[in-house]
């Protein structure tokens, strides 16, 4: 008998909560729910789920506070599902450690795909970027060879610079997840770079010229406007 992945839904709107629960249970997930932040944190700490679906607008505290407290001790996948559409809310949630951010209303197929991706990444054998991931990441005609420190497109070496490879490498490690501008800048150039997005944009433009057949219509690396970048997932 297969062991079901356990998901905790944190949502104060009963109709939305029940809807998500019905969808997940129909897709073979073990589901528990919470209607406020206090209940959610208690449930998360006691049940240690495989994934948390977290609304930000909770009646007793902001969902961001729940996320911040969870990230103090766990890297379990957390997908924020919120009606907030401002870029600053998305950036804050991702910077606090959310694995993904879905804006309401959303499609069930999209939600299920994001859940599968988040859980799969949480079980990835890749070590941290600073430790240098090994192996290969392949999607479409793109191959990131971490051992050789090279990227190939349709079998041809893309001839990336060191920093370009680092950017593509970390996007590949977290494929499917939006990485914020600040996160990428800190990882590649260090904390003293500040929030200078220009150097990141220049490098990304060069990367797209080398990887994409049509840079203005990318196949592999997508821009989440005002937030960051995301690598195509397998």
C-alpha atoms as a PDB file:
ATOM      1  CA  UNK A   1       0.000   0.000   0.000  1.00  0.00           C
ATOM      2  CA  UNK A   2       1.384   3.392  -1.005  1.00  0.00           C
ATOM      3  CA  UNK A   3       2.004   5.928   1.759  1.00  0.00           C
ATOM      4  CA  UNK A   4       0.065   9.101   1.058  1.00  0.00           C
ATOM      5  CA  UNK A   5       1.757  12.491   1.191  1.00  0.00           C
ATOM      6  CA  UNK A   6       0.333  14.554   4.049  1.00  0.00           C
ATOM      7  CA  UNK A   7      -0.801  18.102   3.220  1.00  0.00           C
ATOM      8  CA  UNK A   8      -2.033  20.723   5.684  1.00  0.00           C
ATOM      9  CA  UNK A   9      -4.350  23.388   4.276  1.00  0.00           C
ATOM     10  CA  UNK A  10      -4.348  26.699   6.171  1.00  0.00           C
ATOM     11  CA  UNK A  11      -7.338  28.718   4.967  1.00  0.00           C
ATOM     12  CA  UNK A  12      -9.963  30.678   6.905  1.00  0.00           C
ATOM     13  CA  UNK A  13     -12.565  30.603   4.107  1.00  0.00           C
ATOM     14  CA  UNK A  14     -14.485  27.380   4.725  1.00  0.00           C
ATOM     15  CA  UNK A  15     -15.707  26.966   1.146  1.00  0.00           C
ATOM     16  CA  UNK A  16     -12.194  27.357  -0.297  1.00  0.00           C
ATOM     17  CA  UNK A  17     -10.735  25.129   2.412  1.00  0.00           C
ATOM     18  CA  UNK A  18     -13.246  22.366   1.702  1.00  0.00           C
ATOM     19  CA  UNK A  19     -12.802  22.732  -2.044  1.00  0.00           C
ATOM     20  CA  UNK A  20      -9.024  22.310  -1.874  1.00  0.00           C
ATOM     21  CA  UNK A  21      -9.423  19.420   0.542  1.00  0.00           C
ATOM     22  CA  UNK A  22     -11.831  17.629  -1.799  1.00  0.00           C
ATOM     23  CA  UNK A  23      -9.476  18.082  -4.758  1.00  0.00           C
ATOM     24  CA  UNK A  24      -6.450  16.800  -2.851  1.00  0.00           C
ATOM     25  CA  UNK A  25      -8.210  13.823  -1.293  1.00  0.00           C
ATOM     26  CA  UNK A  26      -9.475  12.857  -4.752  1.00  0.00           C
ATOM     27  CA  UNK A  27      -5.823  12.817  -5.832  1.00  0.00           C
ATOM     28  CA  UNK A  28      -4.664  10.525  -3.038  1.00  0.00           C
ATOM     29  CA  UNK A  29      -3.318  13.048  -0.519  1.00  0.00           C
ATOM     30  CA  UNK A  30      -3.764  12.741   3.245  1.00  0.00           C
ATOM     31  CA  UNK A  31      -5.264  16.123   4.170  1.00  0.00           C
ATOM     32  CA  UNK A  32      -5.711  18.071   7.398  1.00  0.00           C
ATOM     33  CA  UNK A  33      -6.933  21.645   7.724  1.00  0.00           C
ATOM     34  CA  UNK A  34      -6.614  24.711   9.934  1.00  0.00           C
ATOM     35  CA  UNK A  35      -8.711  27.897   9.902  1.00  0.00           C
ATOM     36  CA  UNK A  36      -6.296  30.283  11.665  1.00  0.00           C
ATOM     37  CA  UNK A  37      -2.596  30.818  12.296  1.00  0.00           C
ATOM     38  CA  UNK A  38      -2.497  29.518  15.872  1.00  0.00           C
ATOM     39  CA  UNK A  39      -4.262  26.294  14.945  1.00  0.00           C
ATOM     40  CA  UNK A  40      -2.088  25.957  11.855  1.00  0.00           C
ATOM     41  CA  UNK A  41       1.240  26.283  13.653  1.00  0.00           C
ATOM     42  CA  UNK A  42       0.190  23.773  16.305  1.00  0.00           C
ATOM     43  CA  UNK A  43      -0.894  21.317  13.625  1.00  0.00           C
ATOM     44  CA  UNK A  44       2.253  21.809  11.546  1.00  0.00           C
ATOM     45  CA  UNK A  45       4.595  21.246  14.499  1.00  0.00           C
ATOM     46  CA  UNK A  46       2.747  18.149  15.657  1.00  0.00           C
ATOM     47  CA  UNK A  47       2.110  16.514  12.272  1.00  0.00           C
ATOM     48  CA  UNK A  48       5.218  17.583  10.267  1.00  0.00           C
ATOM     49  CA  UNK A  49       3.448  17.401   6.890  1.00  0.00           C
ATOM     50  CA  UNK A  50       5.010  16.820   3.486  1.00  0.00           C
ATOM     51  CA  UNK A  51       3.611  20.167   2.328  1.00  0.00           C
ATOM     52  CA  UNK A  52       1.657  23.183   3.628  1.00  0.00           C
ATOM     53  CA  UNK A  53      -0.802  25.246   1.592  1.00  0.00           C
ATOM     54  CA  UNK A  54      -0.906  28.610   3.330  1.00  0.00           C
ATOM     55  CA  UNK A  55      -3.289  31.549   2.946  1.00  0.00           C
ATOM     56  CA  UNK A  56      -1.861  34.911   4.030  1.00  0.00           C
ATOM     57  CA  UNK A  57      -5.087  36.555   5.187  1.00  0.00           C
ATOM     58  CA  UNK A  58      -5.785  34.672   8.405  1.00  0.00           C
ATOM     59  CA  UNK A  59      -8.071  36.062  11.137  1.00  0.00           C
ATOM     60  CA  UNK A  60      -5.615  35.959  14.055  1.00  0.00           C
ATOM     61  CA  UNK A  61      -2.260  36.663  12.388  1.00  0.00           C
ATOM     62  CA  UNK A  62      -0.743  37.223   8.971  1.00  0.00           C
ATOM     63  CA  UNK A  63       0.172  33.999   7.202  1.00  0.00           C
ATOM     64  CA  UNK A  64       3.654  35.416   6.677  1.00  0.00           C
ATOM     65  CA  UNK A  65       4.183  35.117  10.438  1.00  0.00           C
ATOM     66  CA  UNK A  66       3.294  31.433  10.300  1.00  0.00           C
ATOM     67  CA  UNK A  67       5.738  30.969   7.421  1.00  0.00           C
ATOM     68  CA  UNK A  68       8.483  32.826   9.273  1.00  0.00           C
ATOM     69  CA  UNK A  69       8.034  30.646  12.386  1.00  0.00           C
ATOM     70  CA  UNK A  70       8.051  27.422  10.354  1.00  0.00           C
ATOM     71  CA  UNK A  71      11.247  28.440   8.573  1.00  0.00           C
ATOM     72  CA  UNK A  72      13.004  28.820  11.918  1.00  0.00           C
ATOM     73  CA  UNK A  73      13.137  25.029  12.210  1.00  0.00           C
ATOM     74  CA  UNK A  74      11.952  23.362   8.997  1.00  0.00           C
ATOM     75  CA  UNK A  75      12.441  23.459   5.222  1.00  0.00           C
ATOM     76  CA  UNK A  76       9.177  21.619   4.507  1.00  0.00           C
ATOM     77  CA  UNK A  77       7.547  22.845   1.266  1.00  0.00           C
ATOM     78  CA  UNK A  78       5.105  25.736   1.723  1.00  0.00           C
ATOM     79  CA  UNK A  79       2.912  27.001  -1.116  1.00  0.00           C
ATOM     80  CA  UNK A  80       1.252  30.348  -0.503  1.00  0.00           C
ATOM     81  CA  UNK A  81      -2.240  30.602  -1.986  1.00  0.00           C
ATOM     82  CA  UNK A  82      -3.492  34.155  -1.648  1.00  0.00           C
ATOM     83  CA  UNK A  83      -5.818  36.767  -3.102  1.00  0.00           C
ATOM     84  CA  UNK A  84      -3.036  39.355  -2.700  1.00  0.00           C
ATOM     85  CA  UNK A  85      -1.716  40.252  -6.133  1.00  0.00           C
ATOM     86  CA  UNK A  86       0.807  42.968  -5.282  1.00  0.00           C
ATOM     87  CA  UNK A  87       4.369  42.119  -6.263  1.00  0.00           C
ATOM     88  CA  UNK A  88       5.666  43.141  -2.834  1.00  0.00           C
ATOM     89  CA  UNK A  89       3.484  40.464  -1.186  1.00  0.00           C
ATOM     90  CA  UNK A  90       4.822  37.804  -3.541  1.00  0.00           C
ATOM     91  CA  UNK A  91       8.407  38.921  -3.027  1.00  0.00           C
ATOM     92  CA  UNK A  92       8.014  38.972   0.756  1.00  0.00           C
ATOM     93  CA  UNK A  93       6.533  35.478   0.848  1.00  0.00           C
ATOM     94  CA  UNK A  94       9.231  34.049  -1.423  1.00  0.00           C
ATOM     95  CA  UNK A  95      12.000  35.798   0.510  1.00  0.00           C
ATOM     96  CA  UNK A  96      10.611  34.390   3.753  1.00  0.00           C
ATOM     97  CA  UNK A  97      10.995  30.911   2.303  1.00  0.00           C
ATOM     98  CA  UNK A  98       7.777  30.057   0.465  1.00  0.00           C
ATOM     99  CA  UNK A  99       8.414  27.503  -2.256  1.00  0.00           C
ATOM    100  CA  UNK A 100       5.740  28.924  -4.505  1.00  0.00           C
ATOM    101  CA  UNK A 101       3.015  31.594  -4.674  1.00  0.00           C
ATOM    102  CA  UNK A 102      -0.332  31.056  -6.375  1.00  0.00           C
ATOM    103  CA  UNK A 103      -2.817  33.879  -6.779  1.00  0.00           C
ATOM    104  CA  UNK A 104      -6.524  33.240  -6.294  1.00  0.00           C
ATOM    105  CA  UNK A 105      -8.515  32.266  -8.237  1.00  0.00           C
ATOM    106  CA  UNK A 106      -6.497  29.322  -9.550  1.00  0.00           C
ATOM    107  CA  UNK A 107      -7.058  26.152 -11.526  1.00  0.00           C
ATOM    108  CA  UNK A 108      -6.973  22.758  -9.839  1.00  0.00           C
ATOM    109  CA  UNK A 109      -4.556  21.352 -12.425  1.00  0.00           C
ATOM    110  CA  UNK A 110      -2.128  24.190 -11.734  1.00  0.00           C
ATOM    111  CA  UNK A 111      -2.390  23.687  -7.969  1.00  0.00           C
ATOM    112  CA  UNK A 112      -1.778  19.936  -8.242  1.00  0.00           C
ATOM    113  CA  UNK A 113       1.211  20.499 -10.539  1.00  0.00           C
ATOM    114  CA  UNK A 114       2.741  23.034  -8.120  1.00  0.00           C
ATOM    115  CA  UNK A 115       2.232  20.599  -5.222  1.00  0.00           C
ATOM    116  CA  UNK A 116       3.927  17.747  -7.089  1.00  0.00           C
ATOM    117  CA  UNK A 117       6.840  20.001  -8.013  1.00  0.00           C
ATOM    118  CA  UNK A 118       7.337  21.313  -4.465  1.00  0.00           C
ATOM    119  CA  UNK A 119       7.261  17.856  -2.905  1.00  0.00           C
ATOM    120  CA  UNK A 120       9.586  16.438  -5.554  1.00  0.00           C
ATOM    121  CA  UNK A 121      12.122  19.222  -4.999  1.00  0.00           C
ATOM    122  CA  UNK A 122      12.027  18.736  -1.241  1.00  0.00           C
ATOM    123  CA  UNK A 123      13.195  15.166  -1.804  1.00  0.00           C
ATOM    124  CA  UNK A 124      15.877  16.067  -4.321  1.00  0.00           C
ATOM    125  CA  UNK A 125      19.327  14.659  -3.666  1.00  0.00           C
ATOM    126  CA  UNK A 126      21.017  17.876  -4.803  1.00  0.00           C
ATOM    127  CA  UNK A 127      23.136  19.448  -2.080  1.00  0.00           C
ATOM    128  CA  UNK A 128      23.100  23.210  -1.523  1.00  0.00           C
ATOM    129  CA  UNK A 129      24.322  25.495  -4.319  1.00  0.00           C
ATOM    130  CA  UNK A 130      27.339  26.572  -2.279  1.00  0.00           C
ATOM    131  CA  UNK A 131      28.345  22.927  -1.977  1.00  0.00           C
ATOM    132  CA  UNK A 132      28.170  22.483  -5.722  1.00  0.00           C
ATOM    133  CA  UNK A 133      25.363  20.175  -6.883  1.00  0.00           C
ATOM    134  CA  UNK A 134      26.363  17.127  -8.869  1.00  0.00           C
ATOM    135  CA  UNK A 135      24.736  15.244 -11.722  1.00  0.00           C
ATOM    136  CA  UNK A 136      22.728  16.645 -14.595  1.00  0.00           C
ATOM    137  CA  UNK A 137      19.488  18.544 -15.052  1.00  0.00           C
ATOM    138  CA  UNK A 138      17.785  17.967 -18.386  1.00  0.00           C
ATOM    139  CA  UNK A 139      14.656  19.597 -19.771  1.00  0.00           C
ATOM    140  CA  UNK A 140      13.788  19.820 -23.459  1.00  0.00           C
ATOM    141  CA  UNK A 141      17.031  20.402 -25.332  1.00  0.00           C
ATOM    142  CA  UNK A 142      18.747  21.968 -22.314  1.00  0.00           C
ATOM    143  CA  UNK A 143      21.293  20.013 -20.247  1.00  0.00           C
ATOM    144  CA  UNK A 144      23.012  21.443 -17.151  1.00  0.00           C
ATOM    145  CA  UNK A 145      26.033  19.265 -16.397  1.00  0.00           C
ATOM    146  CA  UNK A 146      27.030  20.159 -12.837  1.00  0.00           C
ATOM    147  CA  UNK A 147      30.047  17.859 -12.813  1.00  0.00           C
ATOM    148  CA  UNK A 148      31.538  19.345 -15.986  1.00  0.00           C
ATOM    149  CA  UNK A 149      30.377  22.867 -15.109  1.00  0.00           C
ATOM    150  CA  UNK A 150      28.891  23.281 -18.582  1.00  0.00           C
ATOM    151  CA  UNK A 151      25.500  23.858 -20.171  1.00  0.00           C
ATOM    152  CA  UNK A 152      24.451  22.335 -23.486  1.00  0.00           C
ATOM    153  CA  UNK A 153      21.576  23.283 -25.781  1.00  0.00           C
ATOM    154  CA  UNK A 154      20.597  20.710 -28.405  1.00  0.00           C
ATOM    155  CA  UNK A 155      23.957  19.027 -27.862  1.00  0.00           C
ATOM    156  CA  UNK A 156      26.059  22.171 -28.312  1.00  0.00           C
ATOM    157  CA  UNK A 157      28.081  23.847 -25.553  1.00  0.00           C
ATOM    158  CA  UNK A 158      26.481  27.196 -24.671  1.00  0.00           C
ATOM    159  CA  UNK A 159      29.881  28.587 -23.606  1.00  0.00           C
ATOM    160  CA  UNK A 160      28.606  30.305 -20.476  1.00  0.00           C
ATOM    161  CA  UNK A 161      30.838  32.413 -18.279  1.00  0.00           C
ATOM    162  CA  UNK A 162      31.381  31.377 -14.672  1.00  0.00           C
ATOM    163  CA  UNK A 163      28.667  33.655 -13.292  1.00  0.00           C
ATOM    164  CA  UNK A 164      26.291  32.739 -16.104  1.00  0.00           C
ATOM    165  CA  UNK A 165      26.756  29.070 -15.261  1.00  0.00           C
ATOM    166  CA  UNK A 166      26.151  29.766 -11.570  1.00  0.00           C
ATOM    167  CA  UNK A 167      22.875  31.510 -12.410  1.00  0.00           C
ATOM    168  CA  UNK A 168      21.660  28.757 -14.710  1.00  0.00           C
ATOM    169  CA  UNK A 169      22.854  26.124 -12.243  1.00  0.00           C
ATOM    170  CA  UNK A 170      20.925  27.504  -9.298  1.00  0.00           C
ATOM    171  CA  UNK A 171      17.803  28.029 -11.420  1.00  0.00           C
ATOM    172  CA  UNK A 172      18.085  24.410 -12.525  1.00  0.00           C
ATOM    173  CA  UNK A 173      18.470  23.224  -8.951  1.00  0.00           C
ATOM    174  CA  UNK A 174      15.211  24.944  -8.027  1.00  0.00           C
ATOM    175  CA  UNK A 175      13.485  24.368 -11.397  1.00  0.00           C
ATOM    176  CA  UNK A 176       9.829  25.325 -11.259  1.00  0.00           C
ATOM    177  CA  UNK A 177      10.316  27.629  -8.284  1.00  0.00           C
ATOM    178  CA  UNK A 178      10.450  31.403  -8.583  1.00  0.00           C
ATOM    179  CA  UNK A 179      13.775  32.725  -7.271  1.00  0.00           C
ATOM    180  CA  UNK A 180      13.675  36.391  -6.318  1.00  0.00           C
ATOM    181  CA  UNK A 181      16.122  38.945  -7.664  1.00  0.00           C
ATOM    182  CA  UNK A 182      17.584  39.516  -4.198  1.00  0.00           C
ATOM    183  CA  UNK A 183      18.081  35.794  -3.601  1.00  0.00           C
ATOM    184  CA  UNK A 184      19.942  35.312  -6.869  1.00  0.00           C
ATOM    185  CA  UNK A 185      22.118  38.382  -6.313  1.00  0.00           C
ATOM    186  CA  UNK A 186      23.092  37.207  -2.819  1.00  0.00           C
ATOM    187  CA  UNK A 187      23.866  33.680  -4.038  1.00  0.00           C
ATOM    188  CA  UNK A 188      26.009  34.752  -6.990  1.00  0.00           C
ATOM    189  CA  UNK A 189      27.617  38.053  -5.952  1.00  0.00           C
ATOM    190  CA  UNK A 190      27.311  37.969  -2.167  1.00  0.00           C
ATOM    191  CA  UNK A 191      25.451  40.107   0.390  1.00  0.00           C
ATOM    192  CA  UNK A 192      27.501  43.251  -0.239  1.00  0.00           C
ATOM    193  CA  UNK A 193      26.069  43.697  -3.734  1.00  0.00           C
ATOM    194  CA  UNK A 194      22.828  45.045  -2.276  1.00  0.00           C
ATOM    195  CA  UNK A 195      19.775  45.060  -4.509  1.00  0.00           C
ATOM    196  CA  UNK A 196      21.458  46.118  -7.737  1.00  0.00           C
ATOM    197  CA  UNK A 197      19.298  44.296 -10.264  1.00  0.00           C
ATOM    198  CA  UNK A 198      21.132  45.739 -13.251  1.00  0.00           C
ATOM    199  CA  UNK A 199      24.024  43.285 -13.124  1.00  0.00           C
ATOM    200  CA  UNK A 200      21.530  40.436 -12.840  1.00  0.00           C
ATOM    201  CA  UNK A 201      19.507  41.663 -15.825  1.00  0.00           C
ATOM    202  CA  UNK A 202      22.651  42.023 -17.944  1.00  0.00           C
ATOM    203  CA  UNK A 203      23.771  38.479 -17.138  1.00  0.00           C
ATOM    204  CA  UNK A 204      20.292  37.091 -17.783  1.00  0.00           C
ATOM    205  CA  UNK A 205      20.096  38.856 -21.148  1.00  0.00           C
ATOM    206  CA  UNK A 206      23.437  37.267 -22.130  1.00  0.00           C
ATOM    207  CA  UNK A 207      22.254  33.857 -20.915  1.00  0.00           C
ATOM    208  CA  UNK A 208      19.076  34.051 -22.962  1.00  0.00           C
ATOM    209  CA  UNK A 209      21.020  34.950 -26.114  1.00  0.00           C
ATOM    210  CA  UNK A 210      23.056  31.767 -25.608  1.00  0.00           C
ATOM    211  CA  UNK A 211      20.253  29.401 -24.534  1.00  0.00           C
ATOM    212  CA  UNK A 212      17.079  30.555 -26.218  1.00  0.00           C
ATOM    213  CA  UNK A 213      16.232  30.345 -29.915  1.00  0.00           C
ATOM    214  CA  UNK A 214      14.103  33.465 -29.465  1.00  0.00           C
ATOM    215  CA  UNK A 215      15.272  35.376 -26.365  1.00  0.00           C
ATOM    216  CA  UNK A 216      12.118  37.511 -26.307  1.00  0.00           C
ATOM    217  CA  UNK A 217      10.023  34.330 -26.113  1.00  0.00           C
ATOM    218  CA  UNK A 218      12.046  32.103 -23.773  1.00  0.00           C
ATOM    219  CA  UNK A 219      11.557  28.350 -23.540  1.00  0.00           C
ATOM    220  CA  UNK A 220      13.686  27.664 -20.485  1.00  0.00           C
ATOM    221  CA  UNK A 221      14.065  30.657 -18.158  1.00  0.00           C
ATOM    222  CA  UNK A 222      10.980  32.751 -17.479  1.00  0.00           C
ATOM    223  CA  UNK A 223      10.663  36.187 -15.901  1.00  0.00           C
ATOM    224  CA  UNK A 224       8.170  36.710 -13.084  1.00  0.00           C
ATOM    225  CA  UNK A 225       7.853  40.477 -13.558  1.00  0.00           C
ATOM    226  CA  UNK A 226       8.912  42.441 -10.485  1.00  0.00           C
ATOM    227  CA  UNK A 227       9.744  39.250  -8.580  1.00  0.00           C
ATOM    228  CA  UNK A 228      12.459  37.084 -10.146  1.00  0.00           C
ATOM    229  CA  UNK A 229      13.151  34.187 -12.514  1.00  0.00           C
ATOM    230  CA  UNK A 230      11.989  30.593 -12.882  1.00  0.00           C
ATOM    231  CA  UNK A 231      13.526  27.657 -14.761  1.00  0.00           C
ATOM    232  CA  UNK A 232      11.278  25.359 -16.783  1.00  0.00           C
ATOM    233  CA  UNK A 233      10.496  22.234 -14.780  1.00  0.00           C
ATOM    234  CA  UNK A 234      10.671  18.692 -16.146  1.00  0.00           C
END
